[in-house]
Amino acid sequence: MILTKLEIIKQVRKNRIKIQPFNEELLNPNSYNYRLADQLIEFDTDLDAKEKPKFRKIIIPESGYILKPGKLYLASTYEKIGSDNFVTQLIGRSSMGRLGLFLQITAPLGHVGTFHSWTLELKVVQPLRVYPLMKIGQVTFWKIKGRKTRTYKNGEYKQFQSAQISKFYKELK
């Protein structure tokens, strides 16, 4: 069951949902708008699942940065988001989709027990200028059904506070 705006506020006040910084103006009827942090990772070459990818880090200037089609970008949420009590799901905003931005296509689900800035997957169908702190996506919170067996306290990516490249190449070695 998805939480509504009023329930999100209630759970934030009880510290059962953590969003830092939290701003009630970013709430929707059943989600919270998260913002884009000021860094991007842009991949320079073809990717190979067995090799550590080559990439460059970009600081997004106040004037914005143009994302280009045919490239994969990783970014992160400005906010740290998480919960020991609810499942997070990061999804795109329809207004961004109408600008040709595909966001979180393959990894929208967060695990119970995580609290960090989330890595975002970005692809565009045409050039699109993005800006630091722009509302880029939304997060929803879902009640858990069944007994909670463990949380994701020791997940591989949870300690990071900025976008992280895939570590999949380590699994194939």
Protein backbone atom coordinates (compact mmCIF):
# COMPACT_ATOMS: atom_id res chain seq x y z
CA MET A 1 0.00 0.00 0.00
CA ILE A 2 1.40 3.38 -1.03
CA LEU A 3 1.61 6.22 1.51
CA THR A 4 -0.26 9.46 0.94
CA LYS A 5 1.13 12.97 1.42
CA LEU A 6 -0.31 13.26 4.94
CA GLU A 7 1.02 9.84 5.91
CA ILE A 8 4.48 10.70 4.56
CA ILE A 9 4.48 13.85 6.71
CA LYS A 10 3.38 11.82 9.75
CA GLN A 11 6.10 9.19 9.21
CA VAL A 12 8.80 11.84 8.65
CA ARG A 13 7.82 13.50 11.94
CA LYS A 14 8.07 10.09 13.66
CA ASN A 15 11.49 9.56 12.01
CA ARG A 16 10.20 6.36 10.37
CA ILE A 17 10.92 7.96 6.96
CA LYS A 18 14.08 10.01 6.57
CA ILE A 19 14.42 12.73 3.93
CA GLN A 20 17.24 15.23 4.42
CA PRO A 21 16.70 18.00 3.75
CA PHE A 22 12.91 17.71 3.96
CA ASN A 23 10.66 20.38 2.44
CA GLU A 24 6.87 19.96 2.60
CA GLU A 25 6.56 22.02 -0.61
CA LEU A 26 8.09 19.08 -2.51
CA LEU A 27 5.27 16.71 -1.51
CA ASN A 28 2.70 15.40 -4.00
CA PRO A 29 -0.55 13.55 -3.16
CA ASN A 30 1.37 10.23 -2.79
CA SER A 31 5.06 10.98 -3.39
CA TYR A 32 7.92 13.35 -2.66
CA ASN A 33 9.80 15.21 -5.44
CA TYR A 34 13.54 14.68 -5.15
CA ARG A 35 16.10 17.00 -6.72
CA LEU A 36 19.18 16.50 -8.85
CA ALA A 37 22.56 16.84 -7.12
CA ASP A 38 25.25 18.89 -8.85
CA GLN A 39 27.38 16.04 -10.23
CA LEU A 40 27.05 13.67 -13.19
CA ILE A 41 28.97 10.67 -14.38
CA GLU A 42 29.23 10.46 -18.17
CA PHE A 43 30.49 7.28 -19.80
CA ASP A 44 33.08 7.89 -22.53
CA THR A 45 33.16 4.59 -24.41
CA ASP A 46 31.21 1.45 -25.13
CA LEU A 47 30.55 -0.46 -21.94
CA ASP A 48 31.69 -4.04 -21.31
CA ALA A 49 30.09 -5.94 -18.41
CA LYS A 50 33.46 -7.63 -17.66
CA GLU A 51 35.47 -4.41 -17.46
CA LYS A 52 35.44 -1.42 -15.14
CA PRO A 53 33.88 1.34 -17.26
CA LYS A 54 35.70 4.49 -18.29
CA PHE A 55 33.87 7.67 -17.33
CA ARG A 56 34.29 11.26 -16.38
CA LYS A 57 32.75 13.24 -13.55
CA ILE A 58 31.04 16.50 -14.37
CA ILE A 59 30.02 19.29 -12.00
CA ILE A 60 26.75 20.74 -13.30
CA PRO A 61 27.14 24.52 -13.44
CA GLU A 62 24.34 26.90 -12.45
CA SER A 63 23.82 27.52 -16.18
CA GLY A 64 23.06 23.80 -16.62
CA TYR A 65 24.54 20.93 -18.57
CA ILE A 66 23.20 19.44 -21.79
CA LEU A 67 22.60 15.68 -21.74
CA LYS A 68 23.03 14.08 -25.15
CA PRO A 69 21.23 11.12 -26.74
CA GLY A 70 23.17 7.89 -27.05
CA LYS A 71 24.99 8.39 -23.74
CA LEU A 72 24.35 6.99 -20.31
CA TYR A 73 24.58 9.37 -17.39
CA LEU A 74 24.51 8.64 -13.70
CA ALA A 75 23.55 11.29 -11.20
CA SER A 76 22.30 11.29 -7.64
CA THR A 77 19.50 12.68 -5.58
CA TYR A 78 20.32 15.85 -3.69
CA GLU A 79 18.30 14.50 -0.78
CA LYS A 80 19.29 11.57 1.36
CA ILE A 81 16.23 9.32 1.46
CA GLY A 82 15.39 6.07 3.22
CA SER A 83 13.50 4.12 5.83
CA ASP A 84 13.82 1.12 8.12
CA ASN A 85 10.04 0.74 7.92
CA PHE A 86 8.95 1.35 4.33
CA VAL A 87 10.14 0.40 0.85
CA THR A 88 11.16 3.30 -1.37
CA GLN A 89 10.51 3.44 -5.10
CA LEU A 90 12.24 6.13 -7.15
CA ILE A 91 10.46 7.03 -10.36
CA GLY A 92 10.53 9.79 -12.93
CA ARG A 93 8.25 12.79 -13.08
CA SER A 94 5.86 12.94 -16.02
CA SER A 95 6.95 16.52 -16.73
CA MET A 96 10.53 15.28 -17.23
CA GLY A 97 9.33 12.37 -19.37
CA ARG A 98 7.57 14.87 -21.62
CA LEU A 99 10.97 16.52 -22.11
CA GLY A 100 12.41 13.19 -23.30
CA LEU A 101 14.22 12.15 -20.11
CA PHE A 102 14.15 8.49 -19.11
CA LEU A 103 14.93 8.13 -15.42
CA GLN A 104 15.37 5.04 -13.25
CA ILE A 105 14.39 2.62 -16.00
CA THR A 106 15.93 -0.50 -14.47
CA ALA A 107 16.49 0.18 -10.76
CA PRO A 108 13.59 2.04 -9.14
CA LEU A 109 13.27 -0.13 -6.03
CA GLY A 110 15.06 0.76 -2.82
CA HIS A 111 15.59 -1.63 0.06
CA VAL A 112 14.30 -1.32 3.59
CA GLY A 113 17.11 -0.10 5.83
CA THR A 114 18.90 2.18 3.39
CA PHE A 115 19.38 5.90 3.86
CA HIS A 116 21.56 7.76 1.38
CA SER A 117 21.64 9.81 -1.79
CA TRP A 118 20.40 7.50 -4.56
CA THR A 119 22.19 6.89 -7.85
CA LEU A 120 19.99 7.86 -10.81
CA GLU A 121 20.18 6.44 -14.34
CA LEU A 122 19.54 9.11 -17.00
CA LYS A 123 18.99 8.74 -20.77
CA VAL A 124 17.54 11.33 -23.14
CA VAL A 125 15.92 11.06 -26.58
CA GLN A 126 17.05 14.55 -27.60
CA PRO A 127 19.49 17.05 -26.06
CA LEU A 128 18.19 18.29 -22.71
CA ARG A 129 19.71 20.88 -20.36
CA VAL A 130 19.54 19.92 -16.69
CA TYR A 131 20.31 22.04 -13.65
CA PRO A 132 21.49 21.39 -10.11
CA LEU A 133 18.65 21.17 -7.59
CA MET A 134 15.95 20.84 -10.26
CA LYS A 135 13.03 18.57 -9.35
CA ILE A 136 13.85 15.55 -11.47
CA GLY A 137 11.96 12.59 -9.99
CA GLN A 138 9.76 11.40 -7.19
CA VAL A 139 9.96 8.81 -4.47
CA THR A 140 7.06 6.80 -3.15
CA PHE A 141 6.90 4.85 0.10
CA TRP A 142 5.23 1.44 0.42
CA LYS A 143 4.10 -0.50 3.47
CA ILE A 144 5.72 -3.86 3.99
CA LYS A 145 3.50 -6.93 4.24
CA GLY A 146 4.88 -9.93 6.06
CA ARG A 147 7.58 -10.31 8.64
CA LYS A 148 10.68 -8.22 8.03
CA THR A 149 13.61 -10.66 8.00
CA ARG A 150 16.46 -8.17 7.72
CA THR A 151 17.20 -4.73 6.42
CA TYR A 152 19.74 -3.65 3.83
CA LYS A 153 22.12 -2.13 6.38
CA ASN A 154 25.24 -3.59 4.75
CA GLY A 155 24.37 -3.14 1.07
CA GLU A 156 27.28 -2.54 -1.31
CA TYR A 157 26.14 0.92 -2.42
CA LYS A 158 24.54 2.27 0.76
CA GLN A 159 27.58 4.11 2.12
CA PHE A 160 27.93 6.36 -0.92
CA GLN A 161 26.54 9.88 -1.06
CA SER A 162 26.99 10.49 -4.78
CA ALA A 163 26.40 8.56 -8.02
CA GLN A 164 28.23 5.24 -8.25
CA ILE A 165 29.18 3.18 -11.26
CA SER A 166 28.10 -0.46 -11.51
CA LYS A 167 30.29 -2.95 -9.68
CA PHE A 168 28.96 -5.80 -11.87
CA TYR A 169 32.34 -6.29 -13.55
CA LYS A 170 33.64 -7.64 -10.20
CA GLU A 171 31.06 -10.45 -10.32
CA LEU A 172 32.37 -11.66 -13.69
CA LYS A 173 36.06 -11.87 -12.76
